[in-house]
Each structure stands twice: as C-alpha cells, then as structure tokens.
C-alpha cells in the first residue's frame, strides 16, 4: 500500500480523494447540529437536502443519512444544494429535490479491465465498458471539471 512503509512519501496526482473508513467524520459539528447526528454520526436530510429541522442548513455527500456513500452521490447532491441555497438567498424559485440515481457500480481493474452493474442493465458490464467509464481515468476529468480545475493530459 502506497505510503504504508513511508507515510511521508510523495505522490503526484491530478486529484486525491481520501476514501478510508466507513463512518463519515461529523465530530466537528457543535451544539444543535451535533445533536442532529444519528448513532452512526450521519445527518437526516429532507428531499431538498436540508438538515431535518434546520431550514437553512444543508448536508450532502457521505454525511447525508439514507444516501449511497459514493463520490458520484456527492457530485449529484452538490448542484441541488447549491441551487436551493441560491433560491433561499434570492427568494426566487422553488426549492428542488434530490432524486437518487438507480443503483450502479463500476470497479476498474487497471486501465483496461473491470466490471460492474449499470442501471437498468440485466447483463454485467464488460471489461471494455468498465474501462471506458472509469478504468482509464478514474473519473479524474469530470471531478476536475466540477471543481474548475485543469488536468494534465495522459500521454
């Protein structure tokens, strides 16, 4: 495992997502927000992604109870929460709701392999499909684009 022998080792990467552990970190929450955590440290949210009982507090990504714990979920939460915050600030428009995507998983195995289950598909995704979706770039480009970053093109 990279860094296990030498935690100070450096790794050049376009994007680094720390994805260790199973319980999202919410211990930083204080007062009534801390009290809103469930036994697993998660926060119940409304369909608008507001913290239950708090009209002006939003929770997205892994800390939102009842939502799939994947980076793609957080990327789909963000525009809904941002639009709702904008609507609350400006007083214009209705609050939107988050509609969960159907279950899916793609597991890359190197740049040219992998497998997965795609929404609505009865067949397991081929290694070519898994590679096209995730294996060659590990979703770096869409994440970087969402963050407004440029990525170095692989040669």
C-alpha atoms as a PDB file:
ATOM      1  CA  UNK A   1       0.000   0.000   0.000  1.00  0.00           C
ATOM      2  CA  UNK A   2       1.386   3.347  -1.025  1.00  0.00           C
ATOM      3  CA  UNK A   3       2.637   5.330   1.919  1.00  0.00           C
ATOM      4  CA  UNK A   4       2.290   2.460   4.387  1.00  0.00           C
ATOM      5  CA  UNK A   5       6.042   1.970   4.692  1.00  0.00           C
ATOM      6  CA  UNK A   6       6.841   5.662   4.330  1.00  0.00           C
ATOM      7  CA  UNK A   7       3.944   7.958   5.284  1.00  0.00           C
ATOM      8  CA  UNK A   8       5.993  10.955   4.111  1.00  0.00           C
ATOM      9  CA  UNK A   9       6.291   9.567   0.563  1.00  0.00           C
ATOM     10  CA  UNK A  10       5.049  11.932  -2.134  1.00  0.00           C
ATOM     11  CA  UNK A  11       2.638  11.021  -4.884  1.00  0.00           C
ATOM     12  CA  UNK A  12       1.901  13.199  -7.909  1.00  0.00           C
ATOM     13  CA  UNK A  13      -1.790  13.076  -8.781  1.00  0.00           C
ATOM     14  CA  UNK A  14      -4.418  15.178 -10.535  1.00  0.00           C
ATOM     15  CA  UNK A  15      -6.976  14.578  -7.776  1.00  0.00           C
ATOM     16  CA  UNK A  16      -6.692  12.803  -4.430  1.00  0.00           C
ATOM     17  CA  UNK A  17      -9.847  11.618  -2.719  1.00  0.00           C
ATOM     18  CA  UNK A  18      -9.350  10.311   0.808  1.00  0.00           C
ATOM     19  CA  UNK A  19     -11.718   7.376   0.934  1.00  0.00           C
ATOM     20  CA  UNK A  20     -10.792   5.473   4.050  1.00  0.00           C
ATOM     21  CA  UNK A  21     -13.004   4.436   6.902  1.00  0.00           C
ATOM     22  CA  UNK A  22     -16.667   3.623   6.921  1.00  0.00           C
ATOM     23  CA  UNK A  23     -18.161   6.334   9.092  1.00  0.00           C
ATOM     24  CA  UNK A  24     -18.076   9.888   7.779  1.00  0.00           C
ATOM     25  CA  UNK A  25     -16.454  12.408  10.100  1.00  0.00           C
ATOM     26  CA  UNK A  26     -19.058  14.662  11.719  1.00  0.00           C
ATOM     27  CA  UNK A  27     -17.462  15.154  15.138  1.00  0.00           C
ATOM     28  CA  UNK A  28     -16.685  18.772  14.202  1.00  0.00           C
ATOM     29  CA  UNK A  29     -20.379  19.653  14.431  1.00  0.00           C
ATOM     30  CA  UNK A  30     -21.347  21.597  17.546  1.00  0.00           C
ATOM     31  CA  UNK A  31     -24.472  22.368  19.559  1.00  0.00           C
ATOM     32  CA  UNK A  32     -27.792  21.543  17.878  1.00  0.00           C
ATOM     33  CA  UNK A  33     -26.032  20.287  14.746  1.00  0.00           C
ATOM     34  CA  UNK A  34     -24.116  17.744  16.807  1.00  0.00           C
ATOM     35  CA  UNK A  35     -27.374  16.693  18.420  1.00  0.00           C
ATOM     36  CA  UNK A  36     -28.835  16.051  14.944  1.00  0.00           C
ATOM     37  CA  UNK A  37     -26.376  13.194  14.311  1.00  0.00           C
ATOM     38  CA  UNK A  38     -27.700   9.647  14.463  1.00  0.00           C
ATOM     39  CA  UNK A  39     -25.869   6.753  16.147  1.00  0.00           C
ATOM     40  CA  UNK A  40     -23.608   6.406  13.084  1.00  0.00           C
ATOM     41  CA  UNK A  41     -22.805  10.134  13.013  1.00  0.00           C
ATOM     42  CA  UNK A  42     -24.985  10.744   9.948  1.00  0.00           C
ATOM     43  CA  UNK A  43     -27.492  13.548   9.421  1.00  0.00           C
ATOM     44  CA  UNK A  44     -31.096  13.022   8.342  1.00  0.00           C
ATOM     45  CA  UNK A  45     -31.920  15.232   5.376  1.00  0.00           C
ATOM     46  CA  UNK A  46     -35.121  16.270   3.653  1.00  0.00           C
ATOM     47  CA  UNK A  47     -35.657  15.661  -0.084  1.00  0.00           C
ATOM     48  CA  UNK A  48     -34.244  19.200  -0.589  1.00  0.00           C
ATOM     49  CA  UNK A  49     -31.054  18.053   1.239  1.00  0.00           C
ATOM     50  CA  UNK A  50     -31.757  20.316   4.212  1.00  0.00           C
ATOM     51  CA  UNK A  51     -30.851  19.023   7.631  1.00  0.00           C
ATOM     52  CA  UNK A  52     -34.101  17.827   9.185  1.00  0.00           C
ATOM     53  CA  UNK A  53     -35.387  20.573  11.497  1.00  0.00           C
ATOM     54  CA  UNK A  54     -32.993  23.213  10.095  1.00  0.00           C
ATOM     55  CA  UNK A  55     -34.344  25.187   7.145  1.00  0.00           C
ATOM     56  CA  UNK A  56     -31.020  26.886   6.339  1.00  0.00           C
ATOM     57  CA  UNK A  57     -28.557  24.019   6.864  1.00  0.00           C
ATOM     58  CA  UNK A  58     -27.761  21.559   4.082  1.00  0.00           C
ATOM     59  CA  UNK A  59     -25.936  18.230   4.293  1.00  0.00           C
ATOM     60  CA  UNK A  60     -24.575  16.465   1.233  1.00  0.00           C
ATOM     61  CA  UNK A  61     -22.337  13.540   0.417  1.00  0.00           C
ATOM     62  CA  UNK A  62     -21.400  10.858   2.908  1.00  0.00           C
ATOM     63  CA  UNK A  63     -22.854  12.646   5.930  1.00  0.00           C
ATOM     64  CA  UNK A  64     -26.386  12.525   4.487  1.00  0.00           C
ATOM     65  CA  UNK A  65     -28.155   9.558   6.089  1.00  0.00           C
ATOM     66  CA  UNK A  66     -30.025   7.247   3.755  1.00  0.00           C
ATOM     67  CA  UNK A  67     -27.948   8.091   0.695  1.00  0.00           C
ATOM     68  CA  UNK A  68     -25.481   5.844  -1.123  1.00  0.00           C
ATOM     69  CA  UNK A  69     -21.928   6.509   0.055  1.00  0.00           C
ATOM     70  CA  UNK A  70     -20.175   7.162  -3.255  1.00  0.00           C
ATOM     71  CA  UNK A  71     -18.361  10.147  -4.698  1.00  0.00           C
ATOM     72  CA  UNK A  72     -20.884  10.291  -7.524  1.00  0.00           C
ATOM     73  CA  UNK A  73     -23.674  10.809  -4.998  1.00  0.00           C
ATOM     74  CA  UNK A  74     -21.932  13.855  -3.552  1.00  0.00           C
ATOM     75  CA  UNK A  75     -21.406  15.197  -7.075  1.00  0.00           C
ATOM     76  CA  UNK A  76     -25.152  14.843  -7.732  1.00  0.00           C
ATOM     77  CA  UNK A  77     -26.066  16.360  -4.340  1.00  0.00           C
ATOM     78  CA  UNK A  78     -23.966  19.492  -4.853  1.00  0.00           C
ATOM     79  CA  UNK A  79     -25.915  21.200  -7.665  1.00  0.00           C
ATOM     80  CA  UNK A  80     -29.241  20.547  -5.913  1.00  0.00           C
ATOM     81  CA  UNK A  81     -27.996  22.010  -2.629  1.00  0.00           C
ATOM     82  CA  UNK A  82     -26.315  24.955  -4.395  1.00  0.00           C
ATOM     83  CA  UNK A  83     -29.484  25.798  -6.352  1.00  0.00           C
ATOM     84  CA  UNK A  84     -31.561  25.560  -3.175  1.00  0.00           C
ATOM     85  CA  UNK A  85     -29.196  27.819  -1.252  1.00  0.00           C
ATOM     86  CA  UNK A  86     -29.321  30.307  -4.127  1.00  0.00           C
ATOM     87  CA  UNK A  87     -33.146  30.179  -4.132  1.00  0.00           C
ATOM     88  CA  UNK A  88     -33.230  30.827  -0.375  1.00  0.00           C
ATOM     89  CA  UNK A  89     -30.814  33.758  -0.663  1.00  0.00           C
ATOM     90  CA  UNK A  90     -32.516  35.411  -3.628  1.00  0.00           C
ATOM     91  CA  UNK A  91     -36.072  34.426  -2.761  1.00  0.00           C
ATOM     92  CA  UNK A  92     -36.528  33.399  -6.373  1.00  0.00           C
ATOM     93  CA  UNK A  93     -37.745  29.986  -7.474  1.00  0.00           C
ATOM     94  CA  UNK A  94     -38.851  26.857  -5.679  1.00  0.00           C
ATOM     95  CA  UNK A  95     -36.528  24.515  -3.855  1.00  0.00           C
ATOM     96  CA  UNK A  96     -35.594  21.457  -5.875  1.00  0.00           C
ATOM     97  CA  UNK A  97     -35.426  17.911  -4.597  1.00  0.00           C
ATOM     98  CA  UNK A  98     -32.734  15.282  -4.965  1.00  0.00           C
ATOM     99  CA  UNK A  99     -33.810  12.214  -6.886  1.00  0.00           C
ATOM    100  CA  UNK A 100     -31.455   9.308  -6.140  1.00  0.00           C
ATOM    101  CA  UNK A 101     -29.939   7.584  -9.135  1.00  0.00           C
ATOM    102  CA  UNK A 102     -30.672   3.894  -9.597  1.00  0.00           C
ATOM    103  CA  UNK A 103     -28.102   1.509  -8.076  1.00  0.00           C
ATOM    104  CA  UNK A 104     -24.908   1.093 -10.091  1.00  0.00           C
ATOM    105  CA  UNK A 105     -21.295   0.142  -9.538  1.00  0.00           C
ATOM    106  CA  UNK A 106     -18.216   0.084 -11.744  1.00  0.00           C
ATOM    107  CA  UNK A 107     -14.996  -1.424 -10.424  1.00  0.00           C
ATOM    108  CA  UNK A 108     -11.934  -0.766 -12.600  1.00  0.00           C
ATOM    109  CA  UNK A 109      -9.128  -3.305 -12.614  1.00  0.00           C
ATOM    110  CA  UNK A 110      -6.255  -1.454 -14.217  1.00  0.00           C
ATOM    111  CA  UNK A 111      -6.670   0.759 -17.273  1.00  0.00           C
ATOM    112  CA  UNK A 112      -8.167  -1.958 -19.485  1.00  0.00           C
ATOM    113  CA  UNK A 113     -10.278  -4.124 -17.218  1.00  0.00           C
ATOM    114  CA  UNK A 114     -13.001  -4.245 -14.654  1.00  0.00           C
ATOM    115  CA  UNK A 115     -16.667  -4.973 -14.368  1.00  0.00           C
ATOM    116  CA  UNK A 116     -19.830  -3.530 -12.974  1.00  0.00           C
ATOM    117  CA  UNK A 117     -23.587  -3.342 -12.899  1.00  0.00           C
ATOM    118  CA  UNK A 118     -25.181  -0.424 -14.699  1.00  0.00           C
ATOM    119  CA  UNK A 119     -28.687   0.959 -14.108  1.00  0.00           C
ATOM    120  CA  UNK A 120     -31.360  -0.989 -15.937  1.00  0.00           C
ATOM    121  CA  UNK A 121     -28.890  -3.477 -17.399  1.00  0.00           C
ATOM    122  CA  UNK A 122     -29.546  -7.177 -16.936  1.00  0.00           C
ATOM    123  CA  UNK A 123     -26.025  -8.127 -18.010  1.00  0.00           C
ATOM    124  CA  UNK A 124     -22.823  -7.469 -16.080  1.00  0.00           C
ATOM    125  CA  UNK A 125     -20.834  -4.642 -17.698  1.00  0.00           C
ATOM    126  CA  UNK A 126     -17.966  -5.828 -19.887  1.00  0.00           C
ATOM    127  CA  UNK A 127     -14.348  -5.044 -19.107  1.00  0.00           C
ATOM    128  CA  UNK A 128     -14.351  -2.657 -22.078  1.00  0.00           C
ATOM    129  CA  UNK A 129     -17.358  -0.792 -20.695  1.00  0.00           C
ATOM    130  CA  UNK A 130     -15.854  -0.614 -17.202  1.00  0.00           C
ATOM    131  CA  UNK A 131     -12.590   0.644 -18.655  1.00  0.00           C
ATOM    132  CA  UNK A 132     -14.346   3.292 -20.736  1.00  0.00           C
ATOM    133  CA  UNK A 133     -16.368   4.541 -17.760  1.00  0.00           C
ATOM    134  CA  UNK A 134     -13.675   4.530 -15.096  1.00  0.00           C
ATOM    135  CA  UNK A 135     -10.565   2.442 -15.762  1.00  0.00           C
ATOM    136  CA  UNK A 136      -8.611   4.765 -17.994  1.00  0.00           C
ATOM    137  CA  UNK A 137      -9.128   7.949 -15.988  1.00  0.00           C
ATOM    138  CA  UNK A 138     -10.749   7.021 -12.634  1.00  0.00           C
ATOM    139  CA  UNK A 139     -13.233   9.873 -13.149  1.00  0.00           C
ATOM    140  CA  UNK A 140     -10.479  12.487 -12.763  1.00  0.00           C
ATOM    141  CA  UNK A 141     -11.731  14.626 -15.678  1.00  0.00           C
ATOM    142  CA  UNK A 142     -15.367  15.000 -14.511  1.00  0.00           C
ATOM    143  CA  UNK A 143     -14.284  15.678 -10.927  1.00  0.00           C
ATOM    144  CA  UNK A 144     -11.688  18.231 -12.021  1.00  0.00           C
ATOM    145  CA  UNK A 145     -14.236  19.900 -14.293  1.00  0.00           C
ATOM    146  CA  UNK A 146     -16.726  20.118 -11.427  1.00  0.00           C
ATOM    147  CA  UNK A 147     -14.046  21.738  -9.275  1.00  0.00           C
ATOM    148  CA  UNK A 148     -12.991  24.128 -12.034  1.00  0.00           C
ATOM    149  CA  UNK A 149      -9.522  22.561 -12.330  1.00  0.00           C
ATOM    150  CA  UNK A 150      -7.421  21.639 -15.323  1.00  0.00           C
ATOM    151  CA  UNK A 151      -5.866  18.194 -15.612  1.00  0.00           C
ATOM    152  CA  UNK A 152      -2.677  17.120 -17.317  1.00  0.00           C
ATOM    153  CA  UNK A 153      -3.469  15.010 -20.354  1.00  0.00           C
ATOM    154  CA  UNK A 154      -2.038  11.489 -20.227  1.00  0.00           C
ATOM    155  CA  UNK A 155       0.445  10.721 -22.980  1.00  0.00           C
END
